[in-house]
C-alpha atoms as a PDB file:
ATOM      1  CA  MET A   1     -66.282 -17.796 -84.515  1.00  0.00           C
ATOM      2  CA  THR A   2     -68.644 -18.153 -81.574  1.00  0.00           C
ATOM      3  CA  ALA A   3     -66.524 -21.362 -80.203  1.00  0.00           C
ATOM      4  CA  LYS A   4     -64.398 -18.188 -79.322  1.00  0.00           C
ATOM      5  CA  LYS A   5     -66.885 -15.697 -78.054  1.00  0.00           C
ATOM      6  CA  ASP A   6     -68.333 -18.606 -75.715  1.00  0.00           C
ATOM      7  CA  TRP A   7     -65.151 -19.551 -74.470  1.00  0.00           C
ATOM      8  CA  GLN A   8     -64.116 -15.370 -74.120  1.00  0.00           C
ATOM      9  CA  ASN A   9     -67.498 -14.993 -72.138  1.00  0.00           C
ATOM     10  CA  ARG A  10     -66.758 -18.509 -69.611  1.00  0.00           C
ATOM     11  CA  TYR A  11     -63.554 -16.663 -68.901  1.00  0.00           C
ATOM     12  CA  LYS A  12     -65.205 -13.675 -67.743  1.00  0.00           C
ATOM     13  CA  ARG A  13     -67.360 -15.361 -65.495  1.00  0.00           C
ATOM     14  CA  GLU A  14     -64.537 -17.546 -64.148  1.00  0.00           C
ATOM     15  CA  LYS A  15     -62.813 -14.243 -63.442  1.00  0.00           C
ATOM     16  CA  ASP A  16     -65.713 -12.839 -61.711  1.00  0.00           C
ATOM     17  CA  LYS A  17     -66.336 -14.781 -59.309  1.00  0.00           C
ATOM     18  CA  GLN A  18     -62.628 -15.877 -58.398  1.00  0.00           C
ATOM     19  CA  VAL A  19     -63.028 -11.389 -57.261  1.00  0.00           C
ATOM     20  CA  TYR A  20     -65.973 -12.309 -55.529  1.00  0.00           C
ATOM     21  CA  LEU A  21     -64.747 -15.393 -53.273  1.00  0.00           C
ATOM     22  CA  GLU A  22     -61.552 -12.884 -52.969  1.00  0.00           C
ATOM     23  CA  PHE A  23     -64.183 -10.429 -51.414  1.00  0.00           C
ATOM     24  CA  GLU A  24     -66.565 -12.683 -49.267  1.00  0.00           C
ATOM     25  CA  SER A  25     -65.495 -12.678 -45.957  1.00  0.00           C
ATOM     26  CA  TRP A  26     -65.195  -8.892 -45.816  1.00  0.00           C
ATOM     27  CA  SER A  27     -67.061  -6.709 -43.891  1.00  0.00           C
ATOM     28  CA  ARG A  28     -68.406  -4.100 -45.163  1.00  0.00           C
ATOM     29  CA  GLU A  29     -66.179  -1.586 -43.436  1.00  0.00           C
ATOM     30  CA  ASP A  30     -63.229  -3.613 -44.596  1.00  0.00           C
ATOM     31  CA  LEU A  31     -64.658  -3.437 -48.142  1.00  0.00           C
ATOM     32  CA  ILE A  32     -64.799   0.428 -47.620  1.00  0.00           C
ATOM     33  CA  ASP A  33     -61.785   1.114 -46.473  1.00  0.00           C
ATOM     34  CA  TYR A  34     -59.852  -0.934 -49.210  1.00  0.00           C
ATOM     35  CA  VAL A  35     -62.091   1.466 -51.840  1.00  0.00           C
ATOM     36  CA  LEU A  36     -60.833   4.340 -49.867  1.00  0.00           C
ATOM     37  CA  GLN A  37     -57.190   3.212 -50.305  1.00  0.00           C
ATOM     38  CA  LEU A  38     -57.229   2.393 -53.744  1.00  0.00           C
ATOM     39  CA  ARG A  39     -58.363   5.840 -54.164  1.00  0.00           C
ATOM     40  CA  ALA A  40     -55.911   7.047 -52.293  1.00  0.00           C
ATOM     41  CA  GLY A  41     -53.643   5.381 -54.423  1.00  0.00           C
ATOM     42  CA  LEU A  42     -54.997   6.218 -57.490  1.00  0.00           C
ATOM     43  CA  ASP A  43     -54.545   9.577 -56.684  1.00  0.00           C
ATOM     44  CA  GLU A  44     -51.227   9.806 -56.058  1.00  0.00           C
ATOM     45  CA  MET A  45     -50.259   8.377 -58.921  1.00  0.00           C
ATOM     46  CA  GLY A  46     -52.440  11.005 -61.416  1.00  0.00           C
ATOM     47  CA  GLU A  47     -50.559  13.481 -59.148  1.00  0.00           C
ATOM     48  CA  ILE A  48     -47.010  12.000 -60.114  1.00  0.00           C
ATOM     49  CA  ALA A  49     -47.939  11.488 -63.737  1.00  0.00           C
ATOM     50  CA  LYS A  50     -49.651  15.325 -63.849  1.00  0.00           C
ATOM     51  CA  ASN A  51     -46.184  16.110 -62.474  1.00  0.00           C
ATOM     52  CA  GLY A  52     -44.057  13.799 -64.820  1.00  0.00           C
ATOM     53  CA  GLY A  53     -42.537  12.378 -62.190  1.00  0.00           C
ATOM     54  CA  SER A  54     -42.736  13.587 -59.347  1.00  0.00           C
ATOM     55  CA  GLY A  55     -44.055  12.815 -56.151  1.00  0.00           C
ATOM     56  CA  ALA A  56     -47.165  13.647 -55.074  1.00  0.00           C
ATOM     57  CA  GLY A  57     -47.680  15.346 -51.247  1.00  0.00           C
ATOM     58  CA  SER A  58     -44.664  15.494 -49.057  1.00  0.00           C
ATOM     59  CA  GLY A  59     -42.838  17.184 -51.961  1.00  0.00           C
ATOM     60  CA  SER A  60     -39.958  14.311 -52.054  1.00  0.00           C
ATOM     61  CA  GLN A  61     -39.120  13.163 -55.785  1.00  0.00           C
ATOM     62  CA  ILE A  62     -39.136   9.692 -56.982  1.00  0.00           C
ATOM     63  CA  GLU A  63     -35.047   9.348 -58.150  1.00  0.00           C
ATOM     64  CA  LEU A  64     -34.694   6.665 -61.037  1.00  0.00           C
ATOM     65  CA  ALA A  65     -31.367   4.965 -60.749  1.00  0.00           C
ATOM     66  CA  GLU A  66     -29.764   2.377 -62.584  1.00  0.00           C
ATOM     67  CA  THR A  67     -29.549  -0.022 -60.333  1.00  0.00           C
ATOM     68  CA  ASP A  68     -33.584  -0.199 -60.448  1.00  0.00           C
ATOM     69  CA  TYR A  69     -33.424  -1.500 -63.899  1.00  0.00           C
ATOM     70  CA  LYS A  70     -35.166  -5.018 -64.434  1.00  0.00           C
ATOM     71  CA  GLN A  71     -33.819  -8.381 -66.147  1.00  0.00           C
ATOM     72  CA  LYS A  72     -37.497  -9.856 -66.456  1.00  0.00           C
ATOM     73  CA  TRP A  73     -39.054  -6.735 -67.977  1.00  0.00           C
ATOM     74  CA  SER A  74     -39.992  -6.726 -71.335  1.00  0.00           C
ATOM     75  CA  TYR A  75     -38.248  -4.534 -73.817  1.00  0.00           C
ATOM     76  CA  PRO A  76     -41.023  -2.148 -74.448  1.00  0.00           C
ATOM     77  CA  THR A  77     -40.393  -0.899 -70.800  1.00  0.00           C
ATOM     78  CA  LYS A  78     -36.986  -1.769 -70.316  1.00  0.00           C
ATOM     79  CA  ILE A  79     -36.910   1.650 -73.540  1.00  0.00           C
ATOM     80  CA  ALA A  80     -39.181   2.997 -71.197  1.00  0.00           C
ATOM     81  CA  PHE A  81     -37.716   3.001 -68.521  1.00  0.00           C
ATOM     82  CA  LEU A  82     -33.864   4.342 -70.011  1.00  0.00           C
ATOM     83  CA  LEU A  83     -35.815   7.298 -71.652  1.00  0.00           C
ATOM     84  CA  THR A  84     -37.429   8.001 -68.479  1.00  0.00           C
ATOM     85  CA  LEU A  85     -33.595   7.733 -66.424  1.00  0.00           C
ATOM     86  CA  ASN A  86     -31.736   9.679 -69.434  1.00  0.00           C
ATOM     87  CA  LYS A  87     -34.796  12.295 -69.211  1.00  0.00           C
ATOM     88  CA  LYS A  88     -34.072  13.076 -72.565  1.00  0.00           C
ATOM     89  CA  PRO A  89     -35.182  11.880 -76.560  1.00  0.00           C
ATOM     90  CA  LEU A  90     -32.853   9.308 -77.424  1.00  0.00           C
ATOM     91  CA  THR A  91     -32.114   7.768 -80.873  1.00  0.00           C
ATOM     92  CA  SER A  92     -32.166   4.228 -81.579  1.00  0.00           C
ATOM     93  CA  GLU A  93     -28.396   3.894 -81.704  1.00  0.00           C
ATOM     94  CA  GLU A  94     -28.238   5.334 -78.137  1.00  0.00           C
ATOM     95  CA  LEU A  95     -30.851   2.706 -76.966  1.00  0.00           C
ATOM     96  CA  ASP A  96     -28.535   0.161 -78.431  1.00  0.00           C
ATOM     97  CA  LYS A  97     -25.490   0.838 -76.038  1.00  0.00           C
ATOM     98  CA  LEU A  98     -27.852   1.076 -72.752  1.00  0.00           C
ATOM     99  CA  LEU A  99     -29.216  -1.769 -73.788  1.00  0.00           C
ATOM    100  CA  ARG A 100     -25.875  -3.458 -74.401  1.00  0.00           C
ATOM    101  CA  LYS A 101     -24.738  -2.028 -70.661  1.00  0.00           C
ATOM    102  CA  HIS A 102     -27.706  -2.868 -68.828  1.00  0.00           C
ATOM    103  CA  ASP A 103     -29.365  -5.873 -70.281  1.00  0.00           C
ATOM    104  CA  THR A 104     -27.218  -9.446 -70.052  1.00  0.00           C
ATOM    105  CA  HIS A 105     -29.835 -11.206 -72.715  1.00  0.00           C
ATOM    106  CA  PHE A 106     -29.714  -7.923 -75.442  1.00  0.00           C
ATOM    107  CA  LYS A 107     -26.615  -9.066 -76.608  1.00  0.00           C
ATOM    108  CA  ASP A 108     -26.999 -12.551 -76.716  1.00  0.00           C
ATOM    109  CA  TYR A 109     -29.024 -12.149 -79.663  1.00  0.00           C
ATOM    110  CA  THR A 110     -27.600 -13.210 -82.646  1.00  0.00           C
ATOM    111  CA  LYS A 111     -28.313  -9.443 -84.389  1.00  0.00           C
ATOM    112  CA  PRO A 112     -29.113  -7.305 -81.325  1.00  0.00           C
ATOM    113  CA  ARG A 113     -30.051  -4.242 -83.584  1.00  0.00           C
ATOM    114  CA  ASN A 114     -32.568  -6.008 -85.623  1.00  0.00           C
ATOM    115  CA  ASN A 115     -34.702  -7.439 -82.270  1.00  0.00           C
ATOM    116  CA  LEU A 116     -34.112  -3.301 -81.225  1.00  0.00           C
ATOM    117  CA  THR A 117     -35.708  -2.224 -84.397  1.00  0.00           C
ATOM    118  CA  VAL A 118     -38.906  -4.481 -84.012  1.00  0.00           C
ATOM    119  CA  THR A 119     -39.187  -3.509 -80.899  1.00  0.00           C
ATOM    120  CA  LEU A 120     -39.346  -0.234 -81.463  1.00  0.00           C
ATOM    121  CA  ASN A 121     -41.222  -0.437 -84.058  1.00  0.00           C
ATOM    122  CA  ARG A 122     -43.902  -2.531 -81.642  1.00  0.00           C
ATOM    123  CA  ALA A 123     -43.832   0.252 -78.419  1.00  0.00           C
ATOM    124  CA  VAL A 124     -44.528   3.167 -80.904  1.00  0.00           C
ATOM    125  CA  LYS A 125     -47.431   1.030 -82.849  1.00  0.00           C
ATOM    126  CA  SER A 126     -48.884   0.334 -79.158  1.00  0.00           C
ATOM    127  CA  GLY A 127     -48.065   4.118 -78.194  1.00  0.00           C
ATOM    128  CA  ARG A 128     -46.060   3.337 -75.205  1.00  0.00           C
ATOM    129  CA  ILE A 129     -43.397   5.564 -76.697  1.00  0.00           C
ATOM    130  CA  LYS A 130     -43.418   8.050 -79.489  1.00  0.00           C
ATOM    131  CA  LYS A 131     -41.064   8.755 -82.346  1.00  0.00           C
ATOM    132  CA  ILE A 132     -40.606  12.354 -83.748  1.00  0.00           C
ATOM    133  CA  LYS A 133     -38.152  13.463 -86.762  1.00  0.00           C
ATOM    134  CA  VAL A 134     -35.869  16.731 -86.016  1.00  0.00           C
ATOM    135  CA  PRO A 135     -35.427  18.952 -88.790  1.00  0.00           C
ATOM    136  CA  GLY A 136     -32.012  18.612 -89.935  1.00  0.00           C
ATOM    137  CA  ILE A 137     -31.392  15.450 -88.687  1.00  0.00           C
ATOM    138  CA  ARG A 138     -31.110  12.537 -89.918  1.00  0.00           C
ATOM    139  CA  SER A 139     -31.981  10.083 -87.029  1.00  0.00           C
ATOM    140  CA  LEU A 140     -34.810   9.454 -85.439  1.00  0.00           C
ATOM    141  CA  TYR A 141     -35.988  10.536 -81.993  1.00  0.00           C
ATOM    142  CA  TYR A 142     -37.555   8.352 -78.929  1.00  0.00           C
ATOM    143  CA  VAL A 143     -39.618   9.682 -76.337  1.00  0.00           C
ATOM    144  CA  LEU A 144     -41.872   8.913 -74.099  1.00  0.00           C
ATOM    145  CA  PRO A 145     -46.260   9.514 -74.923  1.00  0.00           C
ATOM    146  CA  GLU A 146     -45.826  12.989 -72.223  1.00  0.00           C
ATOM    147  CA  TRP A 147     -42.554  14.321 -73.451  1.00  0.00           C
ATOM    148  CA  ILE A 148     -45.196  15.787 -76.085  1.00  0.00           C
ATOM    149  CA  ASP A 149     -47.641  18.934 -75.990  1.00  0.00           C
ATOM    150  CA  LYS A 150     -51.196  18.182 -77.944  1.00  0.00           C
ATOM    151  CA  SER A 151     -50.201  19.319 -81.212  1.00  0.00           C
ATOM    152  CA  GLY A 152     -47.202  17.005 -81.708  1.00  0.00           C
ATOM    153  CA  GLU A 153     -44.145  18.979 -80.488  1.00  0.00           C
ATOM    154  CA  LEU A 154     -41.641  18.048 -78.448  1.00  0.00           C
ATOM    155  CA  LYS A 155     -42.336  19.938 -74.578  1.00  0.00           C
ATOM    156  CA  LYS A 156     -39.127  22.644 -73.998  1.00  0.00           C
ATOM    157  CA  GLU A 157     -37.820  20.836 -70.966  1.00  0.00           C
ATOM    158  CA  TYR A 158     -37.613  17.819 -73.597  1.00  0.00           C
ATOM    159  CA  SER A 159     -35.951  19.799 -76.503  1.00  0.00           C
ATOM    160  CA  SER A 160     -32.362  20.024 -75.879  1.00  0.00           C
ATOM    161  CA  ILE A 161     -31.850  17.685 -78.723  1.00  0.00           C
ATOM    162  CA  TYR A 162     -33.066  20.865 -81.215  1.00  0.00           C
ATOM    163  CA  ASN A 163     -29.566  22.962 -82.025  1.00  0.00           C
ATOM    164  CA  THR A 164     -30.180  26.213 -82.014  1.00  0.00           C
ATOM    165  CA  PHE A 165     -27.617  28.666 -83.364  1.00  0.00           C
ATOM    166  CA  GLN A 166     -29.477  32.610 -83.011  1.00  0.00           C
END
């Protein structure tokens, strides 16, 4: 156990040395400018997340297209992308159809549905996506965490899956 901890500490020290070497030749002004740029980028990303994916500042919206799909992404990232692209909760059947349509490697699996089930469970466990059960519907729906409010209910703009008979 101590050998593993020792290895982790040595790795962390070496990584820190590499970071210091990167900034060694920078002047104080360069470093301050860089930190300010990073903060501005973080602020912009925070605004985008707060607005549910809309662009910050200029009022422009970041629109995703099917062509933005990357084959090299991990499957949890691909699933999160498909949820974001469709802007609605999806069942595993719908995700299966979308992955078969977009992903060249997915259909090469012996049992693609089994792979999808494992991937969905892994993504839910890590918190990357959430699963919800809609009363009266057998299927589970998968959603992004920001689509759920603090009480665990689906936000109104994503509740198109509910069929209300009023």
